[in-house]
Every structure is written in structure tokens, then in C-alpha cells.
Amino acid sequence: GKLIGENTDGKGFLKSLRELTDPRGKNIVVLGAGGASR
């Protein structure tokens, strides 16, 4: 009965990335600082 806010932008990217590699322990560079990057 309650509306709970989630953010699936990053979750969708993470699920896709895990098809190639586990990001745990990785050095990662992200281009941009907008909403998707956040």
C-alpha cells in the first residue's frame, strides 16, 4: 500500500556489466557527472 522510490538506472547497468565481469575490486573510470553517472 506504499509507493517506494527506487532507481533502476544504475541497477540496470550493473546487471548488464556483470554479464562480462564482476566490478568488485576493479578500477573504474566514468565519463560524465550527470544523473546516469550518479
Full PDB file with SEQRES, HELIX, SHEET, SSBOND, CRYST1, ORIGX, SCALE, CONECT and MASTER records, all heavy atoms in Angstrom:
SEQRES   1 A   38  GLY LYS LEU ILE GLY GLU ASN THR ASP GLY LYS GLY PHE          
SEQRES   2 A   38  LEU LYS SER LEU ARG GLU LEU THR ASP PRO ARG GLY LYS          
SEQRES   3 A   38  ASN ILE VAL VAL LEU GLY ALA GLY GLY ALA SER ARG              
HELIX    1 AA1 THR A    8  LEU A   17  1                                  10    
CRYST1    1.000    1.000    1.000  90.00  90.00  90.00 P 1           1          
ORIGX1      1.000000  0.000000  0.000000        0.00000                         
ORIGX2      0.000000  1.000000  0.000000        0.00000                         
ORIGX3      0.000000  0.000000  1.000000        0.00000                         
SCALE1      1.000000  0.000000  0.000000        0.00000                         
SCALE2      0.000000  1.000000  0.000000        0.00000                         
SCALE3      0.000000  0.000000  1.000000        0.00000                         
ATOM      1  N   GLY A   1       0.778  -1.223   0.000  1.00  0.00           N  
ATOM      2  CA  GLY A   1       0.000   0.000   0.000  1.00  0.00           C  
ATOM      3  C   GLY A   1       0.813   1.277   0.000  1.00  0.00           C  
ATOM      4  O   GLY A   1       0.235   2.371   0.032  1.00  0.00           O  
ATOM      5  N   LYS A   2       2.142   1.175  -0.030  1.00  0.00           N  
ATOM      6  CA  LYS A   2       3.003   2.350  -0.027  1.00  0.00           C  
ATOM      7  C   LYS A   2       3.806   2.429  -1.318  1.00  0.00           C  
ATOM      8  O   LYS A   2       4.254   1.404  -1.833  1.00  0.00           O  
ATOM      9  CB  LYS A   2       3.954   2.312   1.172  1.00  0.00           C  
ATOM     10  CG  LYS A   2       3.243   2.379   2.517  1.00  0.00           C  
ATOM     11  CD  LYS A   2       4.248   2.369   3.663  1.00  0.00           C  
ATOM     12  CE  LYS A   2       3.544   2.483   5.002  1.00  0.00           C  
ATOM     13  NZ  LYS A   2       4.515   2.501   6.130  1.00  0.00           N  
ATOM     14  N   LEU A   3       3.991   3.640  -1.821  1.00  0.00           N  
ATOM     15  CA  LEU A   3       4.813   3.849  -3.001  1.00  0.00           C  
ATOM     16  C   LEU A   3       6.254   4.099  -2.566  1.00  0.00           C  
ATOM     17  O   LEU A   3       6.548   5.093  -1.907  1.00  0.00           O  
ATOM     18  CB  LEU A   3       4.298   5.031  -3.819  1.00  0.00           C  
ATOM     19  CG  LEU A   3       3.131   4.754  -4.761  1.00  0.00           C  
ATOM     20  CD1 LEU A   3       2.644   6.059  -5.389  1.00  0.00           C  
ATOM     21  CD2 LEU A   3       3.514   3.749  -5.846  1.00  0.00           C  
ATOM     22  N   ILE A   4       7.142   3.180  -2.949  1.00  0.00           N  
ATOM     23  CA  ILE A   4       8.549   3.250  -2.582  1.00  0.00           C  
ATOM     24  C   ILE A   4       9.372   3.607  -3.813  1.00  0.00           C  
ATOM     25  O   ILE A   4       9.208   3.002  -4.878  1.00  0.00           O  
ATOM     26  CB  ILE A   4       9.039   1.913  -1.998  1.00  0.00           C  
ATOM     27  CG1 ILE A   4       8.159   1.491  -0.820  1.00  0.00           C  
ATOM     28  CG2 ILE A   4      10.507   2.002  -1.587  1.00  0.00           C  
ATOM     29  CD1 ILE A   4       8.121   2.479   0.331  1.00  0.00           C  
ATOM     30  N   GLY A   5      10.245   4.572  -3.661  1.00  0.00           N  
ATOM     31  CA  GLY A   5      11.070   5.022  -4.768  1.00  0.00           C  
ATOM     32  C   GLY A   5      12.356   4.221  -4.892  1.00  0.00           C  
ATOM     33  O   GLY A   5      13.084   4.042  -3.922  1.00  0.00           O  
ATOM     34  N   GLU A   6      12.628   3.742  -6.097  1.00  0.00           N  
ATOM     35  CA  GLU A   6      13.869   3.036  -6.405  1.00  0.00           C  
ATOM     36  C   GLU A   6      14.551   3.746  -7.569  1.00  0.00           C  
ATOM     37  O   GLU A   6      13.958   4.596  -8.222  1.00  0.00           O  
ATOM     38  CB  GLU A   6      13.585   1.573  -6.790  1.00  0.00           C  
ATOM     39  CG  GLU A   6      12.930   0.731  -5.716  1.00  0.00           C  
ATOM     40  CD  GLU A   6      13.903   0.269  -4.633  1.00  0.00           C  
ATOM     41  OE1 GLU A   6      15.101   0.600  -4.725  1.00  0.00           O  
ATOM     42  OE2 GLU A   6      13.457  -0.426  -3.713  1.00  0.00           O  
ATOM     43  N   ASN A   7      15.796   3.382  -7.821  1.00  0.00           N  
ATOM     44  CA  ASN A   7      16.476   3.888  -9.006  1.00  0.00           C  
ATOM     45  C   ASN A   7      17.072   2.700  -9.740  1.00  0.00           C  
ATOM     46  O   ASN A   7      17.993   2.060  -9.240  1.00  0.00           O  
ATOM     47  CB  ASN A   7      17.564   4.897  -8.641  1.00  0.00           C  
ATOM     48  CG  ASN A   7      17.993   5.698  -9.855  1.00  0.00           C  
ATOM     49  OD1 ASN A   7      18.437   5.127 -10.852  1.00  0.00           O  
ATOM     50  ND2 ASN A   7      17.857   7.010  -9.786  1.00  0.00           N  
ATOM     51  N   THR A   8      16.521   2.403 -10.900  1.00  0.00           N  
ATOM     52  CA  THR A   8      16.967   1.236 -11.661  1.00  0.00           C  
ATOM     53  C   THR A   8      17.957   1.598 -12.763  1.00  0.00           C  
ATOM     54  O   THR A   8      18.393   0.718 -13.499  1.00  0.00           O  
ATOM     55  CB  THR A   8      15.761   0.489 -12.273  1.00  0.00           C  
ATOM     56  OG1 THR A   8      15.052   1.361 -13.159  1.00  0.00           O  
ATOM     57  CG2 THR A   8      14.825   0.002 -11.187  1.00  0.00           C  
ATOM     58  N   ASP A   9      18.319   2.882 -12.887  1.00  0.00           N  
ATOM     59  CA  ASP A   9      19.316   3.272 -13.886  1.00  0.00           C  
ATOM     60  C   ASP A   9      20.633   2.533 -13.651  1.00  0.00           C  
ATOM     61  O   ASP A   9      21.128   1.807 -14.504  1.00  0.00           O  
ATOM     62  CB  ASP A   9      19.568   4.782 -13.836  1.00  0.00           C  
ATOM     63  CG  ASP A   9      18.416   5.605 -14.375  1.00  0.00           C  
ATOM     64  OD1 ASP A   9      17.742   5.129 -15.301  1.00  0.00           O  
ATOM     65  OD2 ASP A   9      18.198   6.714 -13.878  1.00  0.00           O  
ATOM     66  N   GLY A  10      21.196   2.736 -12.458  1.00  0.00           N  
ATOM     67  CA  GLY A  10      22.462   2.088 -12.127  1.00  0.00           C  
ATOM     68  C   GLY A  10      22.339   0.591 -11.995  1.00  0.00           C  
ATOM     69  O   GLY A  10      23.245  -0.155 -12.361  1.00  0.00           O  
ATOM     70  N   LYS A  11      21.214   0.123 -11.470  1.00  0.00           N  
ATOM     71  CA  LYS A  11      20.999  -1.314 -11.315  1.00  0.00           C  
ATOM     72  C   LYS A  11      20.961  -2.013 -12.673  1.00  0.00           C  
ATOM     73  O   LYS A  11      21.475  -3.123 -12.832  1.00  0.00           O  
ATOM     74  CB  LYS A  11      19.700  -1.579 -10.543  1.00  0.00           C  
ATOM     75  CG  LYS A  11      19.770  -1.267  -9.051  1.00  0.00           C  
ATOM     76  CD  LYS A  11      18.441  -1.583  -8.384  1.00  0.00           C  
ATOM     77  CE  LYS A  11      18.524  -1.490  -6.856  1.00  0.00           C  
ATOM     78  NZ  LYS A  11      18.818  -0.110  -6.404  1.00  0.00           N  
ATOM     79  N   GLY A  12      20.335  -1.358 -13.652  1.00  0.00           N  
ATOM     80  CA  GLY A  12      20.299  -1.932 -14.997  1.00  0.00           C  
ATOM     81  C   GLY A  12      21.684  -2.018 -15.610  1.00  0.00           C  
ATOM     82  O   GLY A  12      22.045  -3.020 -16.236  1.00  0.00           O  
ATOM     83  N   PHE A  13      22.484  -0.963 -15.400  1.00  0.00           N  
ATOM     84  CA  PHE A  13      23.858  -1.000 -15.904  1.00  0.00           C  
ATOM     85  C   PHE A  13      24.654  -2.093 -15.214  1.00  0.00           C  
ATOM     86  O   PHE A  13      25.393  -2.853 -15.866  1.00  0.00           O  
ATOM     87  CB  PHE A  13      24.544   0.351 -15.687  1.00  0.00           C  
ATOM     88  CG  PHE A  13      26.000   0.321 -16.068  1.00  0.00           C  
ATOM     89  CD1 PHE A  13      26.377   0.432 -17.388  1.00  0.00           C  
ATOM     90  CD2 PHE A  13      26.984   0.137 -15.106  1.00  0.00           C  
ATOM     91  CE1 PHE A  13      27.718   0.360 -17.759  1.00  0.00           C  
ATOM     92  CE2 PHE A  13      28.323   0.067 -15.462  1.00  0.00           C  
ATOM     93  CZ  PHE A  13      28.690   0.180 -16.797  1.00  0.00           C  
ATOM     94  N   LEU A  14      24.522  -2.190 -13.907  1.00  0.00           N  
ATOM     95  CA  LEU A  14      25.279  -3.182 -13.144  1.00  0.00           C  
ATOM     96  C   LEU A  14      24.945  -4.605 -13.588  1.00  0.00           C  
ATOM     97  O   LEU A  14      25.840  -5.447 -13.764  1.00  0.00           O  
ATOM     98  CB  LEU A  14      24.985  -3.008 -11.651  1.00  0.00           C  
ATOM     99  CG  LEU A  14      25.729  -3.915 -10.688  1.00  0.00           C  
ATOM    100  CD1 LEU A  14      27.230  -3.712 -10.792  1.00  0.00           C  
ATOM    101  CD2 LEU A  14      25.256  -3.638  -9.250  1.00  0.00           C  
ATOM    102  N   LYS A  15      23.672  -4.871 -13.803  1.00  0.00           N  
ATOM    103  CA  LYS A  15      23.247  -6.202 -14.246  1.00  0.00           C  
ATOM    104  C   LYS A  15      23.844  -6.521 -15.616  1.00  0.00           C  
ATOM    105  O   LYS A  15      24.296  -7.649 -15.868  1.00  0.00           O  
ATOM    106  CB  LYS A  15      21.720  -6.261 -14.307  1.00  0.00           C  
ATOM    107  CG  LYS A  15      21.133  -7.626 -14.640  1.00  0.00           C  
ATOM    108  CD  LYS A  15      19.608  -7.565 -14.571  1.00  0.00           C  
ATOM    109  CE  LYS A  15      18.966  -8.886 -14.985  1.00  0.00           C  
ATOM    110  NZ  LYS A  15      19.236  -9.960 -14.000  1.00  0.00           N  
ATOM    111  N   SER A  16      23.890  -5.522 -16.494  1.00  0.00           N  
ATOM    112  CA  SER A  16      24.485  -5.707 -17.815  1.00  0.00           C  
ATOM    113  C   SER A  16      25.990  -5.940 -17.704  1.00  0.00           C  
ATOM    114  O   SER A  16      26.546  -6.838 -18.351  1.00  0.00           O  
ATOM    115  CB  SER A  16      24.197  -4.479 -18.684  1.00  0.00           C  
ATOM    116  OG  SER A  16      24.781  -4.602 -19.955  1.00  0.00           O  
ATOM    117  N   LEU A  17      26.662  -5.136 -16.887  1.00  0.00           N  
ATOM    118  CA  LEU A  17      28.116  -5.260 -16.723  1.00  0.00           C  
ATOM    119  C   LEU A  17      28.500  -6.635 -16.195  1.00  0.00           C  
ATOM    120  O   LEU A  17      29.516  -7.217 -16.607  1.00  0.00           O  
ATOM    121  CB  LEU A  17      28.621  -4.168 -15.787  1.00  0.00           C  
ATOM    122  CG  LEU A  17      30.126  -4.173 -15.478  1.00  0.00           C  
ATOM    123  CD1 LEU A  17      30.950  -3.960 -16.746  1.00  0.00           C  
ATOM    124  CD2 LEU A  17      30.449  -3.100 -14.432  1.00  0.00           C  
ATOM    125  N   ARG A  18      27.699  -7.157 -15.296  1.00  0.00           N  
ATOM    126  CA  ARG A  18      28.032  -8.450 -14.678  1.00  0.00           C  
ATOM    127  C   ARG A  18      27.979  -9.603 -15.675  1.00  0.00           C  
ATOM    128  O   ARG A  18      28.461 -10.697 -15.365  1.00  0.00           O  
ATOM    129  CB  ARG A  18      27.090  -8.714 -13.502  1.00  0.00           C  
ATOM    130  CG  ARG A  18      27.518  -7.975 -12.233  1.00  0.00           C  
ATOM    131  CD  ARG A  18      26.551  -8.172 -11.105  1.00  0.00           C  
ATOM    132  NE  ARG A  18      27.158  -7.828  -9.823  1.00  0.00           N  
ATOM    133  CZ  ARG A  18      26.462  -7.523  -8.731  1.00  0.00           C  
ATOM    134  NH1 ARG A  18      25.132  -7.513  -8.773  1.00  0.00           N  
ATOM    135  NH2 ARG A  18      27.085  -7.238  -7.604  1.00  0.00           N  
ATOM    136  N   GLU A  19      27.408  -9.362 -16.842  1.00  0.00           N  
ATOM    137  CA  GLU A  19      27.447 -10.385 -17.883  1.00  0.00           C  
ATOM    138  C   GLU A  19      28.858 -10.524 -18.455  1.00  0.00           C  
ATOM    139  O   GLU A  19      29.192 -11.541 -19.067  1.00  0.00           O  
ATOM    140  CB  GLU A  19      26.441 -10.042 -18.988  1.00  0.00           C  
ATOM    141  CG  GLU A  19      24.989 -10.069 -18.506  1.00  0.00           C  
ATOM    142  CD  GLU A  19      24.008  -9.582 -19.557  1.00  0.00           C  
ATOM    143  OE1 GLU A  19      24.442  -9.352 -20.712  1.00  0.00           O  
ATOM    144  OE2 GLU A  19      22.817  -9.415 -19.224  1.00  0.00           O  
ATOM    145  N   LEU A  20      29.695  -9.485 -18.249  1.00  0.00           N  
ATOM    146  CA  LEU A  20      31.087  -9.525 -18.697  1.00  0.00           C  
ATOM    147  C   LEU A  20      32.065  -9.711 -17.550  1.00  0.00           C  
ATOM    148  O   LEU A  20      33.049 -10.443 -17.675  1.00  0.00           O  
ATOM    149  CB  LEU A  20      31.445  -8.230 -19.439  1.00  0.00           C  
ATOM    150  CG  LEU A  20      30.975  -8.062 -20.869  1.00  0.00           C  
ATOM    151  CD1 LEU A  20      31.495  -6.744 -21.438  1.00  0.00           C  
ATOM    152  CD2 LEU A  20      31.444  -9.221 -21.744  1.00  0.00           C  
ATOM    153  N   THR A  21      31.806  -9.026 -16.431  1.00  0.00           N  
ATOM    154  CA  THR A  21      32.762  -9.069 -15.327  1.00  0.00           C  
ATOM    155  C   THR A  21      32.098  -8.641 -14.030  1.00  0.00           C  
ATOM    156  O   THR A  21      31.077  -7.944 -14.047  1.00  0.00           O  
ATOM    157  CB  THR A  21      33.965  -8.137 -15.604  1.00  0.00           C  
ATOM    158  OG1 THR A  21      34.975  -8.366 -14.620  1.00  0.00           O  
ATOM    159  CG2 THR A  21      33.569  -6.674 -15.567  1.00  0.00           C  
ATOM    160  N   ASP A  22      32.699  -9.040 -12.918  1.00  0.00           N  
ATOM    161  CA  ASP A  22      32.273  -8.579 -11.600  1.00  0.00           C  
ATOM    162  C   ASP A  22      33.040  -7.291 -11.304  1.00  0.00           C  
ATOM    163  O   ASP A  22      34.278  -7.290 -11.298  1.00  0.00           O  
ATOM    164  CB  ASP A  22      32.592  -9.641 -10.555  1.00  0.00           C  
ATOM    165  CG  ASP A  22      32.096  -9.277  -9.157  1.00  0.00           C  
ATOM    166  OD1 ASP A  22      31.686  -8.109  -8.942  1.00  0.00           O  
ATOM    167  OD2 ASP A  22      32.131 -10.147  -8.270  1.00  0.00           O  
ATOM    168  N   PRO A  23      32.345  -6.169 -11.073  1.00  0.00           N  
ATOM    169  CA  PRO A  23      33.056  -4.908 -10.828  1.00  0.00           C  
ATOM    170  C   PRO A  23      33.741  -4.826  -9.467  1.00  0.00           C  
ATOM    171  O   PRO A  23      34.509  -3.885  -9.219  1.00  0.00           O  
ATOM    172  CB  PRO A  23      31.950  -3.853 -10.938  1.00  0.00           C  
ATOM    173  CG  PRO A  23      30.694  -4.585 -10.593  1.00  0.00           C  
ATOM    174  CD  PRO A  23      30.878  -5.981 -11.116  1.00  0.00           C  
ATOM    175  N   ARG A  24      33.480  -5.798  -8.604  1.00  0.00           N  
ATOM    176  CA  ARG A  24      34.117  -5.781  -7.289  1.00  0.00           C  
ATOM    177  C   ARG A  24      35.640  -5.797  -7.449  1.00  0.00           C  
ATOM    178  O   ARG A  24      36.192  -6.618  -8.191  1.00  0.00           O  
ATOM    179  CB  ARG A  24      33.675  -6.991  -6.472  1.00  0.00           C  
ATOM    180  CG  ARG A  24      34.227  -7.034  -5.041  1.00  0.00           C  
ATOM    181  CD  ARG A  24      33.762  -8.297  -4.340  1.00  0.00           C  
ATOM    182  NE  ARG A  24      32.310  -8.362  -4.282  1.00  0.00           N  
ATOM    183  CZ  ARG A  24      31.574  -7.774  -3.338  1.00  0.00           C  
ATOM    184  NH1 ARG A  24      32.164  -7.086  -2.377  1.00  0.00           N  
ATOM    185  NH2 ARG A  24      30.261  -7.880  -3.360  1.00  0.00           N  
ATOM    186  N   GLY A  25      36.299  -4.875  -6.768  1.00  0.00           N  
ATOM    187  CA  GLY A  25      37.751  -4.829  -6.795  1.00  0.00           C  
ATOM    188  C   GLY A  25      38.347  -4.216  -8.047  1.00  0.00           C  
ATOM    189  O   GLY A  25      39.574  -4.265  -8.241  1.00  0.00           O  
ATOM    190  N   LYS A  26      37.522  -3.621  -8.895  1.00  0.00           N  
ATOM    191  CA  LYS A  26      38.005  -3.072 -10.165  1.00  0.00           C  
ATOM    192  C   LYS A  26      38.230  -1.554 -10.058  1.00  0.00           C  
ATOM    193  O   LYS A  26      37.545  -0.853  -9.313  1.00  0.00           O  
ATOM    194  CB  LYS A  26      36.998  -3.344 -11.288  1.00  0.00           C  
ATOM    195  CG  LYS A  26      36.715  -4.830 -11.538  1.00  0.00           C  
ATOM    196  CD  LYS A  26      37.927  -5.568 -12.057  1.00  0.00           C  
ATOM    197  CE  LYS A  26      37.560  -6.911 -12.663  1.00  0.00           C  
ATOM    198  NZ  LYS A  26      36.863  -7.827 -11.765  1.00  0.00           N  
ATOM    199  N   ASN A  27      39.193  -1.062 -10.842  1.00  0.00           N  
ATOM    200  CA  ASN A  27      39.418   0.375 -11.004  1.00  0.00           C  
ATOM    201  C   ASN A  27      38.568   0.857 -12.174  1.00  0.00           C  
ATOM    202  O   ASN A  27      38.745   0.382 -13.298  1.00  0.00           O  
ATOM    203  CB  ASN A  27      40.896   0.654 -11.278  1.00  0.00           C  
ATOM    204  CG  ASN A  27      41.781   0.255 -10.117  1.00  0.00           C  
ATOM    205  OD1 ASN A  27      41.498   0.581  -8.958  1.00  0.00           O  
ATOM    206  ND2 ASN A  27      42.863  -0.453 -10.407  1.00  0.00           N  
ATOM    207  N   ILE A  28      37.674   1.795 -11.899  1.00  0.00           N  
ATOM    208  CA  ILE A  28      36.669   2.182 -12.890  1.00  0.00           C  
ATOM    209  C   ILE A  28      36.721   3.679 -13.144  1.00  0.00           C  
ATOM    210  O   ILE A  28      36.779   4.482 -12.204  1.00  0.00           O  
ATOM    211  CB  ILE A  28      35.252   1.773 -12.418  1.00  0.00           C  
ATOM    212  CG1 ILE A  28      35.219   0.266 -12.111  1.00  0.00           C  
ATOM    213  CG2 ILE A  28      34.212   2.139 -13.471  1.00  0.00           C  
ATOM    214  CD1 ILE A  28      33.917  -0.207 -11.505  1.00  0.00           C  
ATOM    215  N   VAL A  29      36.698   4.046 -14.418  1.00  0.00           N  
ATOM    216  CA  VAL A  29      36.645   5.442 -14.842  1.00  0.00           C  
ATOM    217  C   VAL A  29      35.284   5.694 -15.469  1.00  0.00           C  
ATOM    218  O   VAL A  29      34.850   4.929 -16.343  1.00  0.00           O  
ATOM    219  CB  VAL A  29      37.759   5.763 -15.856  1.00  0.00           C  
ATOM    220  CG1 VAL A  29      37.606   7.188 -16.392  1.00  0.00           C  
ATOM    221  CG2 VAL A  29      39.138   5.580 -15.220  1.00  0.00           C  
ATOM    222  N   VAL A  30      34.607   6.750 -15.028  1.00  0.00           N  
ATOM    223  CA  VAL A  30      33.284   7.085 -15.542  1.00  0.00           C  
ATOM    224  C   VAL A  30      33.328   8.476 -16.153  1.00  0.00           C  
ATOM    225  O   VAL A  30      33.723   9.445 -15.493  1.00  0.00           O  
ATOM    226  CB  VAL A  30      32.214   7.034 -14.426  1.00  0.00           C  
ATOM    227  CG1 VAL A  30      30.834   7.377 -14.995  1.00  0.00           C  
ATOM    228  CG2 VAL A  30      32.188   5.652 -13.779  1.00  0.00           C  
ATOM    229  N   LEU A  31      32.940   8.575 -17.410  1.00  0.00           N  
ATOM    230  CA  LEU A  31      32.899   9.851 -18.113  1.00  0.00           C  
ATOM    231  C   LEU A  31      31.544  10.506 -17.896  1.00  0.00           C  
ATOM    232  O   LEU A  31      30.501   9.909 -18.180  1.00  0.00           O  
ATOM    233  CB  LEU A  31      33.128   9.651 -19.610  1.00  0.00           C  
ATOM    234  CG  LEU A  31      34.403   8.911 -20.029  1.00  0.00           C  
ATOM    235  CD1 LEU A  31      34.442   8.755 -21.545  1.00  0.00           C  
ATOM    236  CD2 LEU A  31      35.647   9.644 -19.527  1.00  0.00           C  
ATOM    237  N   GLY A  32      31.547  11.745 -17.388  1.00  0.00           N  
ATOM    238  CA  GLY A  32      30.311  12.466 -17.140  1.00  0.00           C  
ATOM    239  C   GLY A  32      29.931  12.445 -15.669  1.00  0.00           C  
ATOM    240  O   GLY A  32      30.355  11.557 -14.914  1.00  0.00           O  
ATOM    241  N   ALA A  33      29.142  13.441 -15.265  1.00  0.00           N  
ATOM    242  CA  ALA A  33      28.724  13.540 -13.863  1.00  0.00           C  
ATOM    243  C   ALA A  33      27.243  13.880 -13.740  1.00  0.00           C  
ATOM    244  O   ALA A  33      26.809  14.436 -12.732  1.00  0.00           O  
ATOM    245  CB  ALA A  33      29.568  14.588 -13.145  1.00  0.00           C  
ATOM    246  N   GLY A  34      26.470  13.527 -14.769  1.00  0.00           N  
ATOM    247  CA  GLY A  34      25.038  13.774 -14.740  1.00  0.00           C  
ATOM    248  C   GLY A  34      24.278  12.680 -13.999  1.00  0.00           C  
ATOM    249  O   GLY A  34      24.860  11.886 -13.253  1.00  0.00           O  
ATOM    250  N   GLY A  35      22.975  12.634 -14.227  1.00  0.00           N  
ATOM    251  CA  GLY A  35      22.138  11.690 -13.496  1.00  0.00           C  
ATOM    252  C   GLY A  35      22.501  10.243 -13.737  1.00  0.00           C  
ATOM    253  O   GLY A  35      22.512   9.434 -12.806  1.00  0.00           O  
ATOM    254  N   ALA A  36      22.801   9.880 -14.982  1.00  0.00           N  
ATOM    255  CA  ALA A  36      23.160   8.494 -15.280  1.00  0.00           C  
ATOM    256  C   ALA A  36      24.469   8.122 -14.592  1.00  0.00           C  
ATOM    257  O   ALA A  36      24.594   7.043 -14.011  1.00  0.00           O  
ATOM    258  CB  ALA A  36      23.279   8.288 -16.787  1.00  0.00           C  
ATOM    259  N   SER A  37      25.449   9.019 -14.658  1.00  0.00           N  
ATOM    260  CA  SER A  37      26.724   8.763 -13.990  1.00  0.00           C  
ATOM    261  C   SER A  37      26.531   8.607 -12.492  1.00  0.00           C  
ATOM    262  O   SER A  37      27.118   7.724 -11.865  1.00  0.00           O  
ATOM    263  CB  SER A  37      27.688   9.914 -14.278  1.00  0.00           C  
ATOM    264  OG  SER A  37      28.893   9.756 -13.550  1.00  0.00           O  
ATOM    265  N   ARG A  38      25.721   9.459 -11.913  1.00  0.00           N  
ATOM    266  CA  ARG A  38      25.448   9.409 -10.469  1.00  0.00           C  
ATOM    267  C   ARG A  38      24.884   8.046 -10.070  1.00  0.00           C  
ATOM    268  O   ARG A  38      25.348   7.419  -9.122  1.00  0.00           O  
ATOM    269  CB  ARG A  38      24.464  10.520 -10.126  1.00  0.00           C  
ATOM    270  CG  ARG A  38      24.268  10.805  -8.634  1.00  0.00           C  
ATOM    271  CD  ARG A  38      23.227  11.910  -8.496  1.00  0.00           C  
ATOM    272  NE  ARG A  38      23.089  12.385  -7.141  1.00  0.00           N  
ATOM    273  CZ  ARG A  38      23.727  13.440  -6.640  1.00  0.00           C  
ATOM    274  NH1 ARG A  38      24.565  14.123  -7.411  1.00  0.00           N  
ATOM    275  NH2 ARG A  38      23.529  13.819  -5.397  1.00  0.00           N  
TER     276      ARG A  38                                                      
MASTER        0    0    0    1    0    0    0    6  275    1    0    3          
END                                                                             
